[in-house]
C-alpha cells in the first residue's frame, strides 16, 4: 500500500495559533460571553420576556442576573492589556 504524503498546508491547531498571538484566553472569554448571551436570549424568548420586562422584575425572580454574576465570579482579571482587558478564565 502506498504511503500518503502529509498535506504541506496543514499546520498547528487554531488554538495554538491564537496562543502564539497571545489572544487565546481573550478569545475563549469572549466566546463564553457570547454563548451565555445566546442562552439568555433563548430563555427570554421562550418565556416571552423582553429586556425591559426582565429588568422590571424584582431581583429575587431574576435567575439570569444570578447566573451572570456566577459567571463573572469565575472570571479573573489580571490587569494586563488586551481585547478583553486581560480577562482570564479560571479553571
N, C-alpha and C. Protein backbone atom coordinates (compact mmCIF):
# COMPACT_ATOMS: atom_id res chain seq x y z
N UNK A 1 0.84 -1.17 0.00
CA UNK A 1 0.00 0.00 0.00
C UNK A 1 0.90 1.24 0.00
N UNK A 2 0.56 2.19 -0.84
CA UNK A 2 1.36 3.41 -0.95
C UNK A 2 1.11 4.30 0.26
N UNK A 3 2.16 4.91 0.72
CA UNK A 3 2.05 5.80 1.88
C UNK A 3 1.58 7.18 1.42
N UNK A 4 0.61 7.74 2.14
CA UNK A 4 0.09 9.07 1.80
C UNK A 4 1.07 10.13 2.24
N UNK A 5 1.23 11.14 1.41
CA UNK A 5 2.09 12.26 1.79
C UNK A 5 1.29 13.20 2.70
N UNK A 6 1.97 13.75 3.64
CA UNK A 6 1.33 14.69 4.55
C UNK A 6 0.98 15.97 3.78
N UNK A 7 -0.12 16.54 4.11
CA UNK A 7 -0.55 17.78 3.47
C UNK A 7 0.36 18.91 3.94
N UNK A 8 1.08 19.57 3.04
CA UNK A 8 2.00 20.63 3.44
C UNK A 8 1.28 21.90 3.92
N UNK A 9 -0.03 21.98 3.69
CA UNK A 9 -0.78 23.17 4.08
C UNK A 9 -1.39 23.06 5.48
N UNK A 10 -1.24 21.92 6.10
CA UNK A 10 -1.79 21.73 7.43
C UNK A 10 -0.71 22.07 8.46
N UNK A 11 -1.04 22.96 9.35
CA UNK A 11 -0.10 23.37 10.39
C UNK A 11 -0.64 23.03 11.76
N UNK A 12 -0.33 23.89 12.70
CA UNK A 12 -0.79 23.66 14.07
C UNK A 12 -2.28 23.97 14.16
N UNK A 13 -2.85 23.71 15.32
CA UNK A 13 -4.28 23.96 15.52
C UNK A 13 -4.56 25.46 15.62
N UNK A 14 -5.83 25.79 15.48
CA UNK A 14 -6.24 27.19 15.59
C UNK A 14 -5.98 27.71 17.00
N UNK A 15 -6.19 26.85 18.00
CA UNK A 15 -5.91 27.25 19.38
C UNK A 15 -4.42 27.58 19.56
N UNK A 16 -3.56 26.78 18.94
CA UNK A 16 -2.13 27.04 19.03
C UNK A 16 -1.79 28.38 18.36
N UNK A 17 -2.44 28.66 17.25
CA UNK A 17 -2.24 29.94 16.56
C UNK A 17 -2.64 31.11 17.46
N UNK A 18 -3.83 31.00 18.08
CA UNK A 18 -4.28 32.07 18.98
C UNK A 18 -3.35 32.23 20.18
N UNK A 19 -2.87 31.11 20.71
CA UNK A 19 -1.95 31.16 21.85
C UNK A 19 -0.64 31.83 21.44
N UNK A 20 -0.18 31.52 20.24
CA UNK A 20 1.06 32.13 19.73
C UNK A 20 0.91 33.64 19.63
N UNK A 21 -0.29 34.10 19.24
CA UNK A 21 -0.56 35.53 19.14
C UNK A 21 -0.84 36.17 20.50
N UNK A 22 -1.00 35.33 21.53
CA UNK A 22 -1.26 35.82 22.88
C UNK A 22 -2.69 36.23 23.13
N UNK A 23 -3.63 35.70 22.34
CA UNK A 23 -5.03 36.12 22.49
C UNK A 23 -5.97 34.94 22.73
N UNK A 24 -5.44 33.76 23.01
CA UNK A 24 -6.29 32.58 23.21
C UNK A 24 -7.27 32.80 24.35
N UNK A 25 -6.79 33.26 25.50
CA UNK A 25 -7.65 33.43 26.66
C UNK A 25 -8.73 34.48 26.42
N UNK A 26 -8.35 35.56 25.75
CA UNK A 26 -9.33 36.61 25.45
C UNK A 26 -10.42 36.08 24.52
N UNK A 27 -10.02 35.28 23.54
CA UNK A 27 -10.99 34.71 22.60
C UNK A 27 -11.92 33.71 23.29
N UNK A 28 -11.36 32.90 24.19
CA UNK A 28 -12.19 31.95 24.93
C UNK A 28 -13.19 32.69 25.82
N UNK A 29 -12.73 33.76 26.48
CA UNK A 29 -13.60 34.56 27.34
C UNK A 29 -14.74 35.16 26.52
N UNK A 30 -14.42 35.73 25.35
CA UNK A 30 -15.45 36.33 24.51
C UNK A 30 -16.44 35.28 24.01
N UNK A 31 -15.94 34.10 23.65
CA UNK A 31 -16.82 33.03 23.18
C UNK A 31 -17.78 32.60 24.28
N UNK A 32 -17.29 32.49 25.51
CA UNK A 32 -18.17 32.12 26.63
C UNK A 32 -19.23 33.19 26.87
N UNK A 33 -18.83 34.46 26.81
CA UNK A 33 -19.80 35.54 26.98
C UNK A 33 -20.89 35.48 25.91
N UNK A 34 -20.49 35.23 24.67
CA UNK A 34 -21.47 35.18 23.59
C UNK A 34 -22.40 33.98 23.73
N UNK A 35 -21.86 32.84 24.16
CA UNK A 35 -22.70 31.66 24.38
C UNK A 35 -23.71 31.92 25.48
N UNK A 36 -23.27 32.55 26.57
CA UNK A 36 -24.17 32.87 27.67
C UNK A 36 -25.25 33.84 27.21
N UNK A 37 -24.87 34.85 26.44
CA UNK A 37 -25.85 35.81 25.94
C UNK A 37 -26.88 35.13 25.05
N UNK A 38 -26.44 34.20 24.20
CA UNK A 38 -27.38 33.47 23.34
C UNK A 38 -28.35 32.63 24.17
N UNK A 39 -27.85 31.99 25.23
CA UNK A 39 -28.71 31.19 26.09
C UNK A 39 -29.72 32.06 26.81
N UNK A 40 -29.31 33.25 27.23
CA UNK A 40 -30.22 34.17 27.89
C UNK A 40 -31.31 34.62 26.91
N UNK A 41 -30.90 34.95 25.68
CA UNK A 41 -31.89 35.37 24.67
C UNK A 41 -32.89 34.26 24.40
N UNK A 42 -32.42 33.03 24.29
CA UNK A 42 -33.33 31.90 24.05
C UNK A 42 -34.30 31.73 25.20
N UNK A 43 -33.80 31.82 26.43
CA UNK A 43 -34.66 31.65 27.60
C UNK A 43 -35.69 32.78 27.68
N UNK A 44 -35.29 33.99 27.35
CA UNK A 44 -36.21 35.11 27.39
C UNK A 44 -37.27 34.98 26.29
N UNK A 45 -36.85 34.48 25.13
CA UNK A 45 -37.81 34.29 24.04
C UNK A 45 -38.82 33.20 24.39
N UNK A 46 -38.36 32.13 25.04
CA UNK A 46 -39.27 31.05 25.45
C UNK A 46 -40.30 31.56 26.46
N UNK A 47 -39.85 32.41 27.38
CA UNK A 47 -40.75 32.89 28.42
C UNK A 47 -41.53 34.12 27.98
N UNK A 48 -41.20 34.67 26.81
CA UNK A 48 -41.92 35.82 26.30
C UNK A 48 -41.53 37.13 26.97
N UNK A 49 -40.38 37.17 27.61
CA UNK A 49 -39.93 38.38 28.29
C UNK A 49 -39.10 39.25 27.36
N UNK A 50 -39.33 40.55 27.43
CA UNK A 50 -38.45 41.50 26.74
C UNK A 50 -37.37 41.92 27.73
N UNK A 51 -36.35 42.63 27.24
CA UNK A 51 -35.31 43.11 28.15
C UNK A 51 -35.90 44.05 29.19
N UNK A 52 -36.83 44.89 28.77
CA UNK A 52 -37.46 45.84 29.69
C UNK A 52 -38.27 45.11 30.75
N UNK A 53 -39.07 44.14 30.33
CA UNK A 53 -39.89 43.38 31.29
C UNK A 53 -38.99 42.60 32.24
N UNK A 54 -37.91 42.07 31.71
CA UNK A 54 -36.98 41.33 32.56
C UNK A 54 -36.36 42.26 33.60
N UNK A 55 -36.00 43.47 33.19
CA UNK A 55 -35.40 44.43 34.12
C UNK A 55 -36.36 44.93 35.16
N UNK A 56 -37.66 44.91 34.85
CA UNK A 56 -38.67 45.40 35.80
C UNK A 56 -39.00 44.38 36.89
N UNK A 57 -38.58 43.13 36.70
CA UNK A 57 -38.88 42.11 37.69
C UNK A 57 -38.03 42.32 38.95
N UNK A 58 -38.56 41.93 40.11
CA UNK A 58 -37.77 42.03 41.34
C UNK A 58 -36.52 41.15 41.23
N UNK A 59 -35.44 41.56 41.87
CA UNK A 59 -34.18 40.80 41.77
C UNK A 59 -34.30 39.33 42.16
N UNK A 60 -35.16 38.99 43.10
CA UNK A 60 -35.26 37.60 43.55
C UNK A 60 -35.83 36.68 42.48
N UNK A 61 -36.50 37.25 41.46
CA UNK A 61 -37.08 36.41 40.41
C UNK A 61 -36.28 36.51 39.12
N UNK A 62 -35.05 36.97 39.21
CA UNK A 62 -34.23 37.14 38.01
C UNK A 62 -33.05 36.16 38.02
N UNK A 63 -33.28 34.91 37.66
CA UNK A 63 -32.20 33.93 37.65
C UNK A 63 -31.10 34.28 36.66
N UNK A 64 -31.42 35.03 35.62
CA UNK A 64 -30.40 35.40 34.64
C UNK A 64 -29.34 36.27 35.30
N UNK A 65 -29.76 37.21 36.12
CA UNK A 65 -28.80 38.07 36.81
C UNK A 65 -27.91 37.24 37.73
N UNK A 66 -28.51 36.27 38.41
CA UNK A 66 -27.70 35.42 39.30
C UNK A 66 -26.70 34.60 38.50
N UNK A 67 -27.12 34.05 37.36
CA UNK A 67 -26.19 33.23 36.58
C UNK A 67 -25.10 34.09 35.97
N UNK A 68 -25.43 35.35 35.62
CA UNK A 68 -24.41 36.25 35.09
C UNK A 68 -23.38 36.56 36.16
N UNK A 69 -23.84 36.84 37.37
CA UNK A 69 -22.89 37.11 38.46
C UNK A 69 -22.03 35.88 38.74
N UNK A 70 -22.62 34.70 38.71
CA UNK A 70 -21.86 33.47 38.93
C UNK A 70 -20.80 33.30 37.85
N UNK A 71 -21.16 33.60 36.61
CA UNK A 71 -20.20 33.52 35.51
C UNK A 71 -19.06 34.49 35.73
N UNK A 72 -19.39 35.73 36.12
CA UNK A 72 -18.35 36.74 36.30
C UNK A 72 -17.44 36.43 37.49
N UNK A 73 -17.95 35.72 38.50
CA UNK A 73 -17.09 35.33 39.62
C UNK A 73 -16.01 34.35 39.18
N UNK A 74 -16.29 33.59 38.12
CA UNK A 74 -15.32 32.62 37.63
C UNK A 74 -14.30 33.22 36.68
N UNK A 75 -14.44 34.50 36.41
CA UNK A 75 -13.51 35.18 35.52
C UNK A 75 -12.59 36.04 36.37
N UNK A 76 -11.30 35.84 36.18
CA UNK A 76 -10.31 36.59 36.95
C UNK A 76 -9.64 37.59 36.02
N UNK A 77 -9.59 38.85 36.41
CA UNK A 77 -8.92 39.86 35.61
C UNK A 77 -7.52 40.06 36.18
N UNK A 78 -6.52 39.94 35.31
CA UNK A 78 -5.14 40.06 35.79
C UNK A 78 -4.56 41.45 35.55
N UNK A 79 -5.34 42.37 34.97
CA UNK A 79 -4.89 43.72 34.82
C UNK A 79 -4.03 43.99 33.60
N UNK A 80 -3.72 42.98 32.81
CA UNK A 80 -2.91 43.18 31.62
C UNK A 80 -3.80 43.68 30.50
N UNK A 81 -3.19 44.24 29.47
CA UNK A 81 -3.93 44.76 28.33
C UNK A 81 -4.49 43.64 27.48
N UNK A 82 -5.12 44.01 26.40
CA UNK A 82 -5.68 43.02 25.50
C UNK A 82 -7.11 43.34 25.19
N UNK A 83 -7.66 42.63 24.24
CA UNK A 83 -9.01 42.91 23.80
C UNK A 83 -10.03 42.73 24.91
N UNK A 84 -9.81 41.77 25.79
CA UNK A 84 -10.75 41.51 26.86
C UNK A 84 -10.33 42.14 28.16
N UNK A 85 -9.42 43.09 28.13
CA UNK A 85 -8.96 43.73 29.36
C UNK A 85 -8.14 42.80 30.22
N UNK A 86 -7.51 41.81 29.62
CA UNK A 86 -6.68 40.89 30.38
C UNK A 86 -7.47 39.82 31.10
N UNK A 87 -8.68 39.56 30.65
CA UNK A 87 -9.53 38.56 31.31
C UNK A 87 -8.97 37.17 31.12
N UNK A 88 -9.02 36.39 32.14
CA UNK A 88 -8.57 35.01 32.07
C UNK A 88 -9.67 34.12 32.65
N UNK A 89 -9.89 32.99 32.05
CA UNK A 89 -10.89 32.07 32.54
C UNK A 89 -10.28 31.24 33.67
N UNK A 90 -10.93 31.24 34.83
CA UNK A 90 -10.46 30.43 35.95
C UNK A 90 -10.93 29.01 35.75
N UNK A 91 -10.02 28.07 35.83
CA UNK A 91 -10.37 26.68 35.60
C UNK A 91 -10.29 25.92 36.91
